[in-house]
N, C-alpha and C. Protein backbone atom coordinates (compact mmCIF):
# COMPACT_ATOMS: atom_id res chain seq x y z
N MET A 1 108.75 112.28 71.50
CA MET A 1 107.37 111.56 71.40
C MET A 1 107.34 110.28 72.28
N ARG A 2 108.43 109.57 72.26
CA ARG A 2 108.56 108.36 72.86
C ARG A 2 108.45 108.57 74.40
N GLY A 3 109.15 109.54 74.78
CA GLY A 3 109.14 109.91 76.30
C GLY A 3 107.66 110.34 76.84
N ARG A 4 106.91 110.99 76.05
CA ARG A 4 105.64 111.32 76.35
C ARG A 4 104.63 110.15 76.37
N ARG A 5 104.91 109.17 75.50
CA ARG A 5 104.02 108.01 75.53
C ARG A 5 104.26 107.17 76.82
N MET A 6 105.46 107.33 77.39
CA MET A 6 105.75 106.50 78.59
C MET A 6 105.41 107.13 79.83
N LEU A 7 105.00 108.37 79.78
CA LEU A 7 104.70 109.06 80.92
C LEU A 7 103.48 108.57 81.61
N LEU A 8 102.42 108.26 80.86
CA LEU A 8 101.14 107.68 81.59
C LEU A 8 101.42 106.41 82.25
N PRO A 9 102.00 105.33 81.51
CA PRO A 9 102.27 104.08 82.19
C PRO A 9 103.28 104.30 83.42
N ALA A 10 104.22 105.25 83.48
CA ALA A 10 105.03 105.33 84.67
C ALA A 10 104.34 105.97 85.75
N ALA A 11 103.43 106.94 85.26
CA ALA A 11 102.58 107.59 86.44
C ALA A 11 101.60 106.56 87.05
N ALA A 12 101.14 105.86 86.20
CA ALA A 12 100.11 104.81 86.75
C ALA A 12 100.91 103.75 87.64
N THR A 13 102.01 103.30 87.19
CA THR A 13 102.82 102.39 88.06
C THR A 13 103.28 103.00 89.33
N LEU A 14 103.62 104.37 89.26
CA LEU A 14 104.03 105.05 90.40
C LEU A 14 102.88 105.17 91.45
N LEU A 15 101.67 105.57 90.90
CA LEU A 15 100.56 105.86 91.74
C LEU A 15 100.11 104.46 92.44
N LEU A 16 100.23 103.41 91.66
CA LEU A 16 99.72 102.14 92.14
C LEU A 16 100.81 101.66 93.21
N ALA A 17 102.09 101.92 93.03
CA ALA A 17 103.02 101.44 94.10
C ALA A 17 102.75 102.35 95.39
N GLY A 18 102.38 103.62 95.19
CA GLY A 18 102.16 104.42 96.33
C GLY A 18 100.99 104.21 97.10
N LEU A 19 99.95 103.84 96.20
CA LEU A 19 98.72 103.37 96.89
C LEU A 19 98.83 102.00 97.86
N VAL A 20 99.62 100.99 97.24
CA VAL A 20 99.92 99.89 97.96
C VAL A 20 100.83 100.17 99.23
N ALA A 21 101.72 101.17 99.04
CA ALA A 21 102.58 101.56 100.24
C ALA A 21 101.74 102.09 101.31
N VAL A 22 100.77 102.97 100.95
CA VAL A 22 100.01 103.61 102.00
C VAL A 22 99.02 102.64 102.66
N ALA A 23 98.56 101.58 101.84
CA ALA A 23 97.58 100.69 102.32
C ALA A 23 98.45 99.57 103.37
N LEU A 24 99.70 99.52 103.15
CA LEU A 24 100.51 98.61 103.93
C LEU A 24 101.18 99.24 105.11
N LEU A 25 100.99 100.50 105.25
CA LEU A 25 101.37 101.16 106.57
C LEU A 25 100.90 100.54 107.71
N PRO A 26 101.69 100.54 108.77
CA PRO A 26 101.18 99.99 110.08
C PRO A 26 100.02 100.69 110.49
N SER A 27 99.06 100.20 111.19
CA SER A 27 97.81 100.81 111.66
C SER A 27 98.06 101.96 112.55
N GLY A 28 99.15 102.16 113.23
CA GLY A 28 99.28 103.18 114.14
C GLY A 28 99.92 104.48 113.48
N ALA A 29 100.33 104.14 112.14
CA ALA A 29 100.97 105.32 111.43
C ALA A 29 99.96 106.32 111.03
N PRO A 30 100.23 107.55 111.14
CA PRO A 30 99.22 108.55 110.55
C PRO A 30 99.16 108.54 109.00
N ARG A 31 97.95 108.56 108.53
CA ARG A 31 97.86 108.49 107.04
C ARG A 31 97.18 110.01 106.75
N PRO A 32 98.11 110.80 105.86
CA PRO A 32 97.52 111.96 105.58
C PRO A 32 96.36 111.83 104.51
N GLY A 33 95.40 112.43 104.86
CA GLY A 33 94.05 112.29 104.13
C GLY A 33 94.17 112.65 102.65
N PRO A 34 94.56 113.93 102.41
CA PRO A 34 94.82 114.35 100.97
C PRO A 34 95.60 113.34 100.15
N LEU A 35 96.69 112.93 100.67
CA LEU A 35 97.45 111.87 99.94
C LEU A 35 96.67 110.60 99.74
N VAL A 36 96.08 110.13 100.58
CA VAL A 36 95.17 108.87 100.44
C VAL A 36 94.16 109.09 99.34
N LEU A 37 93.43 110.24 99.48
CA LEU A 37 92.33 110.54 98.45
C LEU A 37 92.99 110.57 97.11
N ALA A 38 94.15 111.35 96.96
CA ALA A 38 94.87 111.60 95.72
C ALA A 38 95.23 110.22 95.12
N LEU A 39 95.82 109.26 95.97
CA LEU A 39 96.18 107.97 95.44
C LEU A 39 94.98 107.05 95.11
N ALA A 40 94.02 107.27 95.94
CA ALA A 40 92.82 106.47 95.69
C ALA A 40 91.94 106.80 94.46
N LEU A 41 92.14 108.05 94.06
CA LEU A 41 91.38 108.64 92.91
C LEU A 41 92.36 108.56 91.64
N GLY A 42 93.65 108.79 91.97
CA GLY A 42 94.53 108.99 90.89
C GLY A 42 95.01 107.76 90.17
N THR A 43 95.18 106.68 91.07
CA THR A 43 95.55 105.49 90.51
C THR A 43 94.62 104.81 89.49
N PRO A 44 93.27 104.78 89.81
CA PRO A 44 92.35 104.20 88.80
C PRO A 44 92.15 105.09 87.61
N ALA A 45 92.26 106.39 87.89
CA ALA A 45 92.17 107.28 86.79
C ALA A 45 93.33 107.21 85.83
N CYS A 46 94.54 107.05 86.29
CA CYS A 46 95.61 106.92 85.42
C CYS A 46 95.62 105.52 84.62
N CYS A 47 95.25 104.49 85.45
CA CYS A 47 95.15 103.11 84.75
C CYS A 47 93.93 103.15 83.50
N THR A 48 92.89 103.76 83.93
CA THR A 48 91.80 103.86 82.97
C THR A 48 92.16 104.73 81.80
N ALA A 49 92.83 105.74 82.02
CA ALA A 49 93.42 106.69 80.99
C ALA A 49 94.25 105.90 80.09
N TRP A 50 95.15 105.12 80.61
CA TRP A 50 96.13 104.38 79.78
C TRP A 50 95.37 103.27 78.95
N LEU A 51 94.29 102.80 79.52
CA LEU A 51 93.47 101.78 78.82
C LEU A 51 92.60 102.43 77.60
N LEU A 52 92.34 103.66 77.79
CA LEU A 52 91.60 104.40 76.73
C LEU A 52 92.49 105.24 75.80
N ALA A 53 93.57 104.74 75.43
CA ALA A 53 94.45 105.40 74.63
C ALA A 53 93.96 106.00 73.33
N GLY A 54 92.98 105.29 72.74
CA GLY A 54 92.48 105.70 71.35
C GLY A 54 91.61 107.12 71.43
N LEU A 55 91.38 107.50 72.56
CA LEU A 55 90.40 108.74 72.63
C LEU A 55 91.36 109.95 72.70
N ASP A 56 90.91 111.13 72.42
CA ASP A 56 91.62 112.35 72.54
C ASP A 56 91.78 112.69 74.01
N GLY A 57 92.73 113.54 74.38
CA GLY A 57 93.05 113.86 75.74
C GLY A 57 91.84 114.24 76.59
N ALA A 58 91.10 115.21 76.25
CA ALA A 58 89.94 115.71 76.97
C ALA A 58 88.94 114.55 77.35
N ALA A 59 88.58 113.87 76.28
CA ALA A 59 87.70 112.74 76.54
C ALA A 59 88.25 111.69 77.40
N ARG A 60 89.55 111.41 77.32
CA ARG A 60 90.21 110.38 78.15
C ARG A 60 90.19 110.82 79.60
N GLY A 61 90.60 112.11 79.75
CA GLY A 61 90.54 112.61 81.04
C GLY A 61 89.23 112.60 81.85
N ILE A 62 88.17 113.06 81.14
CA ILE A 62 86.91 112.97 81.59
C ILE A 62 86.37 111.65 82.03
N LEU A 63 86.54 110.69 81.11
CA LEU A 63 86.00 109.35 81.33
C LEU A 63 87.06 108.56 82.50
N ALA A 64 88.23 108.95 82.46
CA ALA A 64 89.12 108.36 83.46
C ALA A 64 88.73 108.93 84.85
N GLY A 65 88.40 110.13 84.97
CA GLY A 65 88.05 110.71 86.19
C GLY A 65 86.76 110.09 86.76
N LEU A 66 85.74 109.98 85.84
CA LEU A 66 84.43 109.37 86.22
C LEU A 66 84.63 107.79 86.48
N ALA A 67 85.43 107.15 85.88
CA ALA A 67 85.62 105.74 86.12
C ALA A 67 86.38 105.65 87.45
N ALA A 68 87.25 106.52 87.86
CA ALA A 68 87.96 106.47 89.20
C ALA A 68 86.88 106.66 90.25
N ILE A 69 85.99 107.55 90.11
CA ILE A 69 85.03 107.73 91.21
C ILE A 69 84.05 106.59 91.16
N ALA A 70 83.60 106.02 90.06
CA ALA A 70 82.67 104.99 89.99
C ALA A 70 83.33 103.69 90.62
N LEU A 71 84.67 103.53 90.41
CA LEU A 71 85.34 102.35 90.89
C LEU A 71 85.39 102.37 92.42
N ASN A 72 85.86 103.53 92.93
CA ASN A 72 85.99 103.69 94.30
C ASN A 72 84.55 103.50 95.04
N ALA A 73 83.69 104.04 94.50
CA ALA A 73 82.06 103.87 94.97
C ALA A 73 81.84 102.44 94.93
N ALA A 74 82.06 101.77 93.82
CA ALA A 74 81.66 100.34 93.73
C ALA A 74 82.51 99.42 94.63
N VAL A 75 83.76 99.69 94.87
CA VAL A 75 84.51 98.87 95.93
C VAL A 75 83.95 99.09 97.24
N ALA A 76 83.72 100.26 97.58
CA ALA A 76 83.08 100.65 98.89
C ALA A 76 81.72 99.92 99.14
N GLU A 77 80.92 100.07 98.00
CA GLU A 77 79.65 99.55 98.25
C GLU A 77 79.61 97.87 98.33
N VAL A 78 80.46 97.29 97.52
CA VAL A 78 80.63 95.88 97.62
C VAL A 78 81.20 95.47 98.97
N MET A 79 82.18 96.25 99.48
CA MET A 79 82.75 95.84 100.82
C MET A 79 81.68 96.05 101.86
N LEU A 80 80.88 96.99 101.81
CA LEU A 80 79.86 97.28 102.85
C LEU A 80 78.79 96.31 102.85
N VAL A 81 78.47 95.85 101.57
CA VAL A 81 77.32 94.86 101.47
C VAL A 81 77.90 93.49 102.01
N CYS A 82 79.08 93.14 101.86
CA CYS A 82 79.78 91.92 102.41
C CYS A 82 80.13 91.99 103.80
N SER A 83 79.99 93.22 104.51
CA SER A 83 80.29 93.46 105.87
C SER A 83 81.69 93.26 106.15
N MET A 84 82.61 93.72 104.97
CA MET A 84 84.14 93.51 105.17
C MET A 84 84.74 94.89 105.05
N TRP A 85 84.08 96.00 105.26
CA TRP A 85 84.66 97.26 105.12
C TRP A 85 85.83 97.55 106.16
N SER A 86 86.87 98.06 105.53
CA SER A 86 88.02 98.62 106.32
C SER A 86 88.77 99.54 105.48
N PRO A 87 89.19 100.67 105.99
CA PRO A 87 89.99 101.50 105.06
C PRO A 87 91.18 100.89 104.43
N ARG A 88 91.79 100.16 105.11
CA ARG A 88 93.12 99.53 104.39
C ARG A 88 92.57 98.50 103.49
N GLY A 89 91.59 97.82 103.69
CA GLY A 89 90.98 96.81 102.74
C GLY A 89 90.43 97.51 101.58
N GLY A 90 89.86 98.71 101.75
CA GLY A 90 89.34 99.29 100.50
C GLY A 90 90.50 99.87 99.68
N LEU A 91 91.63 100.33 100.20
CA LEU A 91 92.76 100.69 99.44
C LEU A 91 93.41 99.56 98.71
N VAL A 92 93.42 98.39 99.37
CA VAL A 92 93.96 97.26 98.63
C VAL A 92 93.20 96.77 97.57
N ALA A 93 91.79 96.93 97.73
CA ALA A 93 90.84 96.51 96.68
C ALA A 93 90.96 97.39 95.57
N VAL A 94 91.04 98.68 95.88
CA VAL A 94 91.16 99.62 94.67
C VAL A 94 92.64 99.40 93.94
N ALA A 95 93.51 99.00 94.72
CA ALA A 95 94.87 98.86 94.00
C ALA A 95 94.85 97.54 93.16
N ALA A 96 94.11 96.57 93.68
CA ALA A 96 94.02 95.25 92.88
C ALA A 96 93.21 95.45 91.60
N VAL A 97 92.07 96.34 91.73
CA VAL A 97 91.29 96.43 90.52
C VAL A 97 92.09 97.39 89.54
N SER A 98 92.77 98.39 90.06
CA SER A 98 93.79 99.24 89.13
C SER A 98 94.76 98.36 88.51
N ALA A 99 95.39 97.48 89.32
CA ALA A 99 96.30 96.56 88.53
C ALA A 99 95.70 95.70 87.58
N GLY A 100 94.47 95.33 87.86
CA GLY A 100 93.68 94.53 86.84
C GLY A 100 93.42 95.44 85.59
N LEU A 101 93.28 96.63 85.61
CA LEU A 101 92.96 97.51 84.64
C LEU A 101 94.36 97.77 83.70
N MET A 102 95.52 97.61 84.44
CA MET A 102 96.76 97.72 83.71
C MET A 102 97.12 96.67 82.88
N VAL A 103 96.75 95.37 83.12
CA VAL A 103 97.04 94.22 82.50
C VAL A 103 96.54 94.27 81.03
N PRO A 104 95.17 94.52 80.85
CA PRO A 104 94.80 94.71 79.41
C PRO A 104 95.50 95.78 78.72
N ALA A 105 95.76 96.95 79.37
CA ALA A 105 96.38 98.04 78.68
C ALA A 105 97.76 97.63 78.18
N TRP A 106 98.47 96.77 79.03
CA TRP A 106 99.75 96.25 78.50
C TRP A 106 99.65 95.27 77.37
N ALA A 107 98.53 94.57 77.51
CA ALA A 107 98.37 93.59 76.35
C ALA A 107 97.94 94.24 75.04
N ILE A 108 97.13 95.39 75.14
CA ILE A 108 96.83 96.12 74.01
C ILE A 108 97.95 96.84 73.35
N ARG A 109 98.92 97.35 74.16
CA ARG A 109 100.14 98.04 73.70
C ARG A 109 101.02 97.00 73.03
N ALA A 110 101.12 95.82 73.59
CA ALA A 110 101.90 94.80 73.01
C ALA A 110 101.42 94.30 71.65
N VAL A 111 100.14 94.31 71.51
CA VAL A 111 99.54 93.80 70.09
C VAL A 111 99.72 95.00 69.21
N ARG A 112 99.56 96.19 69.63
CA ARG A 112 99.75 97.34 68.76
C ARG A 112 101.26 97.46 68.32
N ALA A 113 102.27 97.19 69.24
CA ALA A 113 103.55 97.27 68.85
C ALA A 113 103.91 96.14 67.96
N LYS A 114 103.39 94.99 68.15
CA LYS A 114 103.61 93.83 67.21
C LYS A 114 103.03 94.22 65.90
N ARG A 115 101.85 94.53 65.85
CA ARG A 115 101.22 94.86 64.58
C ARG A 115 102.03 96.04 63.79
N LYS A 116 102.58 96.97 64.48
CA LYS A 116 103.26 98.12 63.97
C LYS A 116 104.73 97.63 63.27
N ASN A 117 105.24 96.41 63.92
CA ASN A 117 106.54 96.04 63.50
C ASN A 117 106.29 94.95 62.47
N SER A 118 105.14 94.37 62.19
CA SER A 118 104.99 93.35 61.25
C SER A 118 104.80 93.94 59.84
N PRO A 119 105.22 93.25 58.81
CA PRO A 119 105.17 93.77 57.46
C PRO A 119 103.63 93.64 57.13
N GLU A 120 103.27 94.81 56.40
CA GLU A 120 101.84 94.73 55.98
C GLU A 120 101.54 94.31 54.73
N THR A 121 100.45 93.42 54.50
CA THR A 121 100.13 93.02 53.18
C THR A 121 98.85 93.73 52.84
N PRO A 122 98.87 94.38 51.66
CA PRO A 122 97.63 94.99 51.29
C PRO A 122 96.52 94.14 50.98
N LEU A 123 95.33 94.49 51.30
CA LEU A 123 94.20 93.79 51.31
C LEU A 123 93.83 93.36 49.87
N SER A 124 94.13 94.16 48.91
CA SER A 124 93.82 93.76 47.52
C SER A 124 94.60 92.61 47.04
N ASP A 125 95.79 92.42 47.66
CA ASP A 125 96.59 91.21 47.20
C ASP A 125 96.14 89.89 47.79
N SER A 126 95.60 90.11 48.99
CA SER A 126 95.25 88.86 49.69
C SER A 126 93.71 88.37 49.34
N VAL A 127 92.93 89.27 49.00
CA VAL A 127 91.58 88.86 48.58
C VAL A 127 91.25 89.47 47.37
N ARG A 128 90.85 88.73 46.41
CA ARG A 128 90.34 89.27 45.07
C ARG A 128 88.89 89.16 44.97
N MET A 129 88.33 90.18 44.66
CA MET A 129 86.74 90.26 44.52
C MET A 129 86.39 90.27 43.02
N ASP A 130 85.65 89.47 42.47
CA ASP A 130 85.22 89.37 41.13
C ASP A 130 83.69 89.95 41.09
N ASP A 131 83.47 90.62 40.14
CA ASP A 131 82.09 91.04 39.94
C ASP A 131 81.08 89.97 39.75
N ASP A 132 81.54 88.80 39.16
CA ASP A 132 80.67 87.65 38.95
C ASP A 132 80.36 86.88 40.16
N ASP A 133 81.07 87.04 41.24
CA ASP A 133 80.92 86.32 42.45
C ASP A 133 79.54 86.62 43.19
N GLU A 134 79.06 87.81 42.96
CA GLU A 134 77.86 88.16 43.65
C GLU A 134 76.70 88.39 42.64
N SER A 135 76.86 87.89 41.42
CA SER A 135 75.76 88.13 40.51
C SER A 135 74.70 87.27 40.86
N TRP A 136 74.85 86.10 41.48
CA TRP A 136 73.77 85.18 41.66
C TRP A 136 72.67 85.80 42.64
N ALA A 137 73.20 86.69 43.49
CA ALA A 137 72.20 87.36 44.47
C ALA A 137 71.18 88.16 43.89
N PHE A 138 71.50 88.66 42.66
CA PHE A 138 70.57 89.55 42.05
C PHE A 138 69.76 88.87 40.83
N ASP A 139 69.94 87.62 40.76
CA ASP A 139 69.00 86.93 39.81
C ASP A 139 67.65 86.90 40.17
N GLY A 140 66.66 87.03 39.33
CA GLY A 140 65.24 87.04 39.69
C GLY A 140 64.58 85.70 39.54
């Protein structure tokens, strides 16, 4: 089970590294279109899926795919509005936003792991509720 949980972060990191590598290729180097498209859509999808770990697999896959399309469209639109569009710049911007999605995912995982390793205190021991505490609210 541990290996399966580590598959998505490893895939997201690998896709992010591939996207950055493709973006940093020299301008004369041929860029295979399907590879660039797979990296540009797969990287934000994996990072978003990793962020949405609380959902079941189908919902996470659908939302991650839609988020990847929306993220690519938003990056392209912002770059076009700013008159800064370039294919290499678009790939770098998608990689930066995807890396930005990975940071909260790592933080959430760290908090969950810390919470899992800490001793739990039952709620009934830490807070005592008496019936008399709320009786004033019902006085006429």
